[in-house]
């Protein structure tokens, strides 16, 4: 969610799967949107920025 200064704020506690994040949104996110009068967005952070490092190193 973006705050009034335009900075991105994290509210989902870094769930490991999209399903967990959507469940959190359905149980708490909708309430938070109404409370703060803002729209939550889901950001997929499963992007490997280390292109020279095998992805399997991160899944241990």
Protein backbone atom coordinates (compact mmCIF):
# COMPACT_ATOMS: atom_id res chain seq x y z
CA UNK A 1 0.00 0.00 0.00
CA UNK A 2 1.30 3.46 -0.77
CA UNK A 3 1.19 5.90 2.13
CA UNK A 4 0.28 9.58 1.91
CA UNK A 5 3.90 10.43 0.99
CA UNK A 6 3.87 7.99 -1.93
CA UNK A 7 6.14 5.44 -0.25
CA UNK A 8 5.33 1.74 -0.48
CA UNK A 9 4.45 0.15 2.86
CA UNK A 10 4.50 -3.60 3.54
CA UNK A 11 1.54 -5.11 5.36
CA UNK A 12 1.44 -8.77 4.31
CA UNK A 13 4.32 -10.02 6.45
CA UNK A 14 6.10 -11.48 3.42
CA UNK A 15 3.95 -14.52 2.80
CA UNK A 16 5.77 -17.26 0.92
CA UNK A 17 3.01 -18.07 -1.56
CA UNK A 18 0.53 -16.05 -3.54
CA UNK A 19 -2.27 -18.15 -2.02
CA UNK A 20 -1.24 -17.14 1.52
CA UNK A 21 -1.10 -13.47 0.49
CA UNK A 22 -4.56 -13.63 -1.09
CA UNK A 23 -5.96 -15.35 2.01
CA UNK A 24 -4.48 -12.57 4.16
CA UNK A 25 -6.01 -9.96 1.85
CA UNK A 26 -9.44 -11.59 2.06
CA UNK A 27 -9.32 -11.85 5.85
CA UNK A 28 -7.56 -8.59 6.78
CA UNK A 29 -6.60 -6.60 3.70
CA UNK A 30 -10.11 -5.55 2.72
CA UNK A 31 -10.66 -4.21 6.24
CA UNK A 32 -7.34 -2.33 6.08
CA UNK A 33 -8.27 -0.77 2.72
CA UNK A 34 -11.51 0.57 4.19
CA UNK A 35 -9.81 1.78 7.37
CA UNK A 36 -7.09 3.71 5.52
CA UNK A 37 -9.13 4.53 2.41
CA UNK A 38 -6.41 3.12 0.17
CA UNK A 39 -6.05 0.23 -2.28
CA UNK A 40 -3.71 -2.66 -1.52
CA UNK A 41 -1.65 -4.16 -4.33
CA UNK A 42 -0.05 -7.59 -4.54
CA UNK A 43 3.60 -7.49 -5.57
CA UNK A 44 5.24 -10.72 -6.68
CA UNK A 45 8.71 -10.64 -5.16
CA UNK A 46 9.70 -14.05 -6.52
CA UNK A 47 12.13 -12.45 -8.94
CA UNK A 48 15.75 -13.58 -8.89
CA UNK A 49 17.87 -10.46 -9.34
CA UNK A 50 21.09 -12.45 -9.05
CA UNK A 51 21.23 -13.67 -12.64
CA UNK A 52 24.60 -15.41 -12.19
CA UNK A 53 23.54 -17.39 -9.10
CA UNK A 54 21.60 -20.64 -9.63
CA UNK A 55 18.06 -20.33 -8.28
CA UNK A 56 18.46 -23.64 -6.41
CA UNK A 57 20.76 -21.90 -3.93
CA UNK A 58 17.80 -19.87 -2.68
CA UNK A 59 15.53 -22.89 -2.14
CA UNK A 60 17.47 -24.60 0.63
